[in-house]
Amino acid sequence: MKIIAQNRRARHQFEILETLEAGIVLQGSEVKSLRAGNCEIVDGFIRIDGGEAWMLKVHIGEYSHGGYSNHQPTRKRKLLLHARQVNQLRVKMEEKGLTVVPLKIYFNPKGRIKVEIAVGRGKKTHDKRRAKKDQEMKRDIQRALRRGS
């Protein structure tokens, strides 16, 4: 699995409750641009419109050799999910405080481009501080174990 882009800020800002894999409807120049690693998903989010899931504000840069048939970098892109999965996401999005964000875009073993989306609840400032403190403690323990052995 080759990762094209990751949204590390989402793991910091949200408590991840559930993840899901989805396909994306892309144009040819978008696929070529993704193969070149030209993607930014930090500001991206998922919205449900008319029974379909859409990924918004994900920037896939224009393909350098695209010419006149290039794509718009921040257009909305349809996600390929089953109707049942879309309904589950819609119900979770209607709950107070829950949001759906893309975590990473990657090539699966078959060479298809997939996006991992997550249902998350926004973290409060004190939760972020606690998470950072726990991470630093784990890092210190690992350092001590390496020195001891």
Foldseek 3Di string as FASTA:
>chain_A
DFFLDFQPVCVLFWDFDDKDKWAWDDDPQLLVLSVVSQWDFNPWFWDDDPLWIKIFQIFRDWRPPCPPNTDDGTDIITIHDDSVVSVVQVVLCPPPQKGKGWGTWGQDPVRGIMTMITITGGDDPVVSVVVVVVVVVVVVVVVVVVVVD
